[in-house]
C-alpha atoms as a PDB file:
ATOM      1  CA  MET A   1     116.098 111.477  76.673  1.00  0.00           C
ATOM      2  CA  ILE A   2     113.152 111.635  79.066  1.00  0.00           C
ATOM      3  CA  LYS A   3     112.849 114.782  81.113  1.00  0.00           C
ATOM      4  CA  VAL A   4     112.546 114.573  84.904  1.00  0.00           C
ATOM      5  CA  GLY A   5     109.448 116.815  84.941  1.00  0.00           C
ATOM      6  CA  LYS A   6     107.614 114.495  82.551  1.00  0.00           C
ATOM      7  CA  VAL A   7     108.494 111.447  84.652  1.00  0.00           C
ATOM      8  CA  TYR A   8     107.278 113.254  87.783  1.00  0.00           C
ATOM      9  CA  ARG A   9     104.013 114.340  86.144  1.00  0.00           C
ATOM     10  CA  ASP A  10     103.355 110.835  84.805  1.00  0.00           C
ATOM     11  CA  SER A  11     104.012 109.223  88.176  1.00  0.00           C
ATOM     12  CA  MET A  12     101.771 111.784  89.946  1.00  0.00           C
ATOM     13  CA  ILE A  13      98.958 111.201  87.445  1.00  0.00           C
ATOM     14  CA  LYS A  14      99.280 107.430  87.886  1.00  0.00           C
ATOM     15  CA  THR A  15      99.309 107.770  91.695  1.00  0.00           C
ATOM     16  CA  ILE A  16      96.131 109.866  91.710  1.00  0.00           C
ATOM     17  CA  LYS A  17      94.313 107.732  89.150  1.00  0.00           C
ATOM     18  CA  ASP A  18      95.222 104.465  90.909  1.00  0.00           C
ATOM     19  CA  GLY A  19      94.435 105.965  94.307  1.00  0.00           C
ATOM     20  CA  VAL A  20      90.932 106.975  93.263  1.00  0.00           C
ATOM     21  CA  GLU A  21      90.124 103.836  91.265  1.00  0.00           C
ATOM     22  CA  LYS A  22      91.715 101.142  93.448  1.00  0.00           C
ATOM     23  CA  ASN A  23      90.692 102.387  96.900  1.00  0.00           C
ATOM     24  CA  SER A  24      87.207 102.314  98.361  1.00  0.00           C
ATOM     25  CA  THR A  25      87.290 105.955  99.474  1.00  0.00           C
ATOM     26  CA  ALA A  26      88.762 109.111  97.968  1.00  0.00           C
ATOM     27  CA  VAL A  27      88.221 112.751  98.910  1.00  0.00           C
ATOM     28  CA  VAL A  28      89.302 115.800  96.900  1.00  0.00           C
ATOM     29  CA  VAL A  29      90.007 118.963  98.893  1.00  0.00           C
ATOM     30  CA  ASN A  30      91.204 122.494  98.240  1.00  0.00           C
ATOM     31  CA  TYR A  31      93.460 124.113 100.784  1.00  0.00           C
ATOM     32  CA  GLN A  32      95.050 127.536 100.868  1.00  0.00           C
ATOM     33  CA  LYS A  33      97.111 129.413 103.431  1.00  0.00           C
ATOM     34  CA  ILE A  34      97.438 126.415 105.735  1.00  0.00           C
ATOM     35  CA  SER A  35     100.797 126.054 107.420  1.00  0.00           C
ATOM     36  CA  SER A  36     103.040 123.185 106.452  1.00  0.00           C
ATOM     37  CA  GLY A  37     103.100 122.107 110.110  1.00  0.00           C
ATOM     38  CA  ASP A  38      99.316 121.703 110.128  1.00  0.00           C
ATOM     39  CA  LEU A  39      99.426 119.782 106.844  1.00  0.00           C
ATOM     40  CA  SER A  40     102.202 117.557 108.167  1.00  0.00           C
ATOM     41  CA  SER A  41     100.173 116.722 111.266  1.00  0.00           C
ATOM     42  CA  LEU A  42      97.161 115.958 109.054  1.00  0.00           C
ATOM     43  CA  ARG A  43      99.282 113.659 106.884  1.00  0.00           C
ATOM     44  CA  LYS A  44     100.606 111.916 109.985  1.00  0.00           C
ATOM     45  CA  THR A  45      97.096 111.397 111.372  1.00  0.00           C
ATOM     46  CA  LEU A  46      95.889 110.105 108.006  1.00  0.00           C
ATOM     47  CA  ARG A  47      98.853 107.710 107.787  1.00  0.00           C
ATOM     48  CA  GLN A  48      97.936 106.311 111.214  1.00  0.00           C
ATOM     49  CA  LYS A  49      94.412 105.710 109.891  1.00  0.00           C
ATOM     50  CA  LYS A  50      95.869 103.957 106.808  1.00  0.00           C
ATOM     51  CA  ALA A  51      95.113 106.792 104.376  1.00  0.00           C
ATOM     52  CA  LYS A  52      97.355 108.672 101.985  1.00  0.00           C
ATOM     53  CA  MET A  53      97.270 112.358 101.069  1.00  0.00           C
ATOM     54  CA  CYS A  54      98.590 113.379  97.680  1.00  0.00           C
ATOM     55  CA  ALA A  55      98.949 117.121  96.987  1.00  0.00           C
ATOM     56  CA  SER A  56      99.043 118.007  93.319  1.00  0.00           C
ATOM     57  CA  ARG A  57      98.470 120.714  90.759  1.00  0.00           C
ATOM     58  CA  ASN A  58      94.896 121.066  89.547  1.00  0.00           C
ATOM     59  CA  SER A  59      95.874 120.291  85.962  1.00  0.00           C
ATOM     60  CA  LEU A  60      97.378 116.942  86.998  1.00  0.00           C
ATOM     61  CA  VAL A  61      94.253 116.021  88.986  1.00  0.00           C
ATOM     62  CA  LYS A  62      92.116 116.867  85.956  1.00  0.00           C
ATOM     63  CA  VAL A  63      94.297 114.746  83.664  1.00  0.00           C
ATOM     64  CA  ALA A  64      94.300 111.860  86.151  1.00  0.00           C
ATOM     65  CA  LEU A  65      90.501 111.839  86.496  1.00  0.00           C
ATOM     66  CA  LYS A  66      89.857 112.377  82.780  1.00  0.00           C
ATOM     67  CA  GLY A  67      88.436 109.240  81.196  1.00  0.00           C
ATOM     68  CA  THR A  68      87.263 107.822  84.520  1.00  0.00           C
ATOM     69  CA  ASN A  69      83.787 107.822  86.044  1.00  0.00           C
ATOM     70  CA  TYR A  70      84.946 110.568  88.407  1.00  0.00           C
ATOM     71  CA  THR A  71      85.642 113.404  85.970  1.00  0.00           C
ATOM     72  CA  SER A  72      83.126 115.643  87.768  1.00  0.00           C
ATOM     73  CA  LEU A  73      85.423 115.689  90.838  1.00  0.00           C
ATOM     74  CA  ALA A  74      87.943 117.736  88.875  1.00  0.00           C
ATOM     75  CA  GLU A  75      85.433 120.466  88.018  1.00  0.00           C
ATOM     76  CA  GLY A  76      85.775 123.701  89.923  1.00  0.00           C
ATOM     77  CA  LEU A  77      89.203 123.015  91.369  1.00  0.00           C
ATOM     78  CA  ASN A  78      91.080 126.149  92.351  1.00  0.00           C
ATOM     79  CA  GLY A  79      93.975 126.913  94.594  1.00  0.00           C
ATOM     80  CA  GLN A  80      95.989 124.087  96.051  1.00  0.00           C
ATOM     81  CA  THR A  81      94.453 120.637  95.694  1.00  0.00           C
ATOM     82  CA  ALA A  82      94.963 117.360  97.509  1.00  0.00           C
ATOM     83  CA  VAL A  83      93.467 113.920  97.059  1.00  0.00           C
ATOM     84  CA  ILE A  84      93.085 111.669 100.096  1.00  0.00           C
ATOM     85  CA  PHE A  85      92.481 107.993  99.425  1.00  0.00           C
ATOM     86  CA  THR A  86      92.148 104.876 101.539  1.00  0.00           C
ATOM     87  CA  SER A  87      90.617 101.439 101.774  1.00  0.00           C
ATOM     88  CA  ALA A  88      90.178 101.813 105.548  1.00  0.00           C
ATOM     89  CA  ASP A  89      87.000 102.815 107.373  1.00  0.00           C
ATOM     90  CA  PRO A  90      85.583 105.880 105.562  1.00  0.00           C
ATOM     91  CA  ALA A  91      83.919 107.204 108.741  1.00  0.00           C
ATOM     92  CA  ASP A  92      87.282 107.437 110.527  1.00  0.00           C
ATOM     93  CA  ILE A  93      88.895 109.306 107.638  1.00  0.00           C
ATOM     94  CA  ALA A  94      85.902 111.635 107.251  1.00  0.00           C
ATOM     95  CA  LYS A  95      86.008 112.449 110.984  1.00  0.00           C
ATOM     96  CA  VAL A  96      89.683 113.391 110.748  1.00  0.00           C
ATOM     97  CA  LEU A  97      89.097 115.573 107.673  1.00  0.00           C
ATOM     98  CA  VAL A  98      85.984 117.306 109.056  1.00  0.00           C
ATOM     99  CA  GLU A  99      87.770 118.002 112.348  1.00  0.00           C
ATOM    100  CA  PHE A 100      90.711 119.492 110.426  1.00  0.00           C
ATOM    101  CA  ALA A 101      88.296 121.572 108.306  1.00  0.00           C
ATOM    102  CA  LYS A 102      86.697 122.989 111.477  1.00  0.00           C
ATOM    103  CA  LYS A 103      90.095 124.204 112.649  1.00  0.00           C
ATOM    104  CA  ASN A 104      91.133 125.488 109.193  1.00  0.00           C
ATOM    105  CA  GLU A 105      88.451 127.375 107.293  1.00  0.00           C
ATOM    106  CA  ASN A 106      90.549 127.307 104.102  1.00  0.00           C
ATOM    107  CA  PHE A 107      90.329 123.494 103.961  1.00  0.00           C
ATOM    108  CA  VAL A 108      87.361 122.952 101.632  1.00  0.00           C
ATOM    109  CA  PHE A 109      85.865 119.672 100.397  1.00  0.00           C
ATOM    110  CA  CYS A 110      85.317 119.404  96.640  1.00  0.00           C
ATOM    111  CA  GLY A 111      83.780 115.950  96.608  1.00  0.00           C
ATOM    112  CA  GLY A 112      84.742 112.343  96.861  1.00  0.00           C
ATOM    113  CA  VAL A 113      84.172 108.724  96.003  1.00  0.00           C
ATOM    114  CA  LEU A 114      82.827 105.982  98.257  1.00  0.00           C
ATOM    115  CA  ASP A 115      82.603 102.459  96.840  1.00  0.00           C
ATOM    116  CA  LYS A 116      82.428 103.705  93.237  1.00  0.00           C
ATOM    117  CA  SER A 117      79.714 106.328  94.031  1.00  0.00           C
ATOM    118  CA  LEU A 118      80.332 110.043  93.832  1.00  0.00           C
ATOM    119  CA  LEU A 119      80.014 112.063  97.042  1.00  0.00           C
ATOM    120  CA  ARG A 120      79.139 115.718  97.499  1.00  0.00           C
ATOM    121  CA  LYS A 121      80.624 117.954 100.196  1.00  0.00           C
ATOM    122  CA  GLU A 122      77.602 117.396 102.429  1.00  0.00           C
ATOM    123  CA  ASP A 123      77.910 113.612 102.109  1.00  0.00           C
ATOM    124  CA  ILE A 124      81.437 113.687 103.511  1.00  0.00           C
ATOM    125  CA  LYS A 125      80.218 115.604 106.560  1.00  0.00           C
ATOM    126  CA  ARG A 126      77.341 113.124 107.032  1.00  0.00           C
ATOM    127  CA  ILE A 127      79.733 110.175 106.830  1.00  0.00           C
ATOM    128  CA  SER A 128      81.842 111.751 109.571  1.00  0.00           C
ATOM    129  CA  GLU A 129      78.808 111.648 111.876  1.00  0.00           C
ATOM    130  CA  LEU A 130      78.483 107.886 111.512  1.00  0.00           C
ATOM    131  CA  PRO A 131      79.939 105.625 114.184  1.00  0.00           C
ATOM    132  CA  SER A 132      83.062 103.702 113.255  1.00  0.00           C
ATOM    133  CA  LYS A 133      82.886 100.247 111.720  1.00  0.00           C
ATOM    134  CA  GLU A 134      83.824  98.560 115.014  1.00  0.00           C
ATOM    135  CA  VAL A 135      81.025 100.353 116.897  1.00  0.00           C
ATOM    136  CA  LEU A 136      78.474  99.398 114.234  1.00  0.00           C
ATOM    137  CA  ILE A 137      79.562  95.748 114.402  1.00  0.00           C
ATOM    138  CA  ALA A 138      79.303  95.796 118.210  1.00  0.00           C
ATOM    139  CA  GLN A 139      75.801  97.285 118.006  1.00  0.00           C
ATOM    140  CA  LEU A 140      74.744  94.655 115.477  1.00  0.00           C
ATOM    141  CA  LEU A 141      76.116  91.828 117.602  1.00  0.00           C
ATOM    142  CA  GLY A 142      74.361  93.236 120.677  1.00  0.00           C
ATOM    143  CA  THR A 143      71.095  93.376 118.768  1.00  0.00           C
ATOM    144  CA  LEU A 144      71.507  89.815 117.507  1.00  0.00           C
ATOM    145  CA  GLN A 145      72.519  88.524 120.932  1.00  0.00           C
ATOM    146  CA  ALA A 146      69.682  90.209 122.903  1.00  0.00           C
ATOM    147  CA  PRO A 147      66.884  87.681 122.116  1.00  0.00           C
ATOM    148  CA  MET A 148      69.143  84.728 122.964  1.00  0.00           C
ATOM    149  CA  THR A 149      70.150  86.355 126.254  1.00  0.00           C
ATOM    150  CA  ARG A 150      66.516  86.986 127.180  1.00  0.00           C
ATOM    151  CA  LEU A 151      65.614  83.368 126.329  1.00  0.00           C
ATOM    152  CA  ALA A 152      68.482  82.049 128.462  1.00  0.00           C
ATOM    153  CA  ARG A 153      67.402  84.228 131.398  1.00  0.00           C
ATOM    154  CA  ALA A 154      63.772  83.130 131.055  1.00  0.00           C
ATOM    155  CA  LEU A 155      64.739  79.444 130.945  1.00  0.00           C
ATOM    156  CA  ASN A 156      67.114  79.907 133.869  1.00  0.00           C
ATOM    157  CA  GLY A 157      64.340  81.614 135.864  1.00  0.00           C
ATOM    158  CA  LYS A 158      61.884  78.753 135.237  1.00  0.00           C
ATOM    159  CA  THR A 159      64.527  76.210 136.196  1.00  0.00           C
ATOM    160  CA  THR A 160      65.194  78.072 139.442  1.00  0.00           C
ATOM    161  CA  GLU A 161      61.438  78.166 140.195  1.00  0.00           C
ATOM    162  CA  LEU A 162      61.165  74.414 139.567  1.00  0.00           C
ATOM    163  CA  ILE A 163      64.072  73.700 141.912  1.00  0.00           C
ATOM    164  CA  LEU A 164      62.487  75.859 144.649  1.00  0.00           C
ATOM    165  CA  ILE A 165      59.147  74.034 144.300  1.00  0.00           C
ATOM    166  CA  LEU A 166      60.853  70.631 144.454  1.00  0.00           C
ATOM    167  CA  LYS A 167      62.809  71.728 147.527  1.00  0.00           C
ATOM    168  CA  GLN A 168      59.589  72.869 149.261  1.00  0.00           C
ATOM    169  CA  LEU A 169      57.862  69.565 148.428  1.00  0.00           C
ATOM    170  CA  SER A 170      60.862  67.689 149.738  1.00  0.00           C
ATOM    171  CA  GLU A 171      60.771  69.619 153.018  1.00  0.00           C
ATOM    172  CA  LYS A 172      57.015  68.977 153.412  1.00  0.00           C
ATOM    173  CA  THR A 173      57.459  65.260 152.973  1.00  0.00           C
ATOM    174  CA  GLY A 174      60.354  65.196 155.405  1.00  0.00           C
ATOM    175  CA  GLY A 175      63.169  64.690 152.911  1.00  0.00           C
ATOM    176  CA  ASN A 176      66.537  66.442 152.939  1.00  0.00           C
END
């Protein structure tokens, strides 16, 4: 007979391992003495941004990350630990987490993963300062479109000048 605790531990280990390996972004955090209401609002905000927060015991996080390229994330875990993972825009998730950390000093980043590369605490804060993916795309499109817009304006200006010259010549010669 399989015990319920073993089934729970195995499913939690699988959830964490799959979450870190199959998503583009994962962040490991320690949190202590944070109210359940604050954590619930964080989970809700993360869900809206298409991210998932999985709170677990440190030993299960260590077992889940053992044998992966991310074993170093499990080093130095203490207190209560959560893993946040997503395939959505990492800048949006980092902004939410950094904002929450500003309000709750006991919410501490341990590290993370971004597109198979390990992140330090400082990297997560730097990512939060980046504009969102949509803003970056808009800036790129504006940059690409600027030369074409200037060319169209220049050609339009020369065409307008030509029409004015032809109109003046027409008036001099007595035409309409």
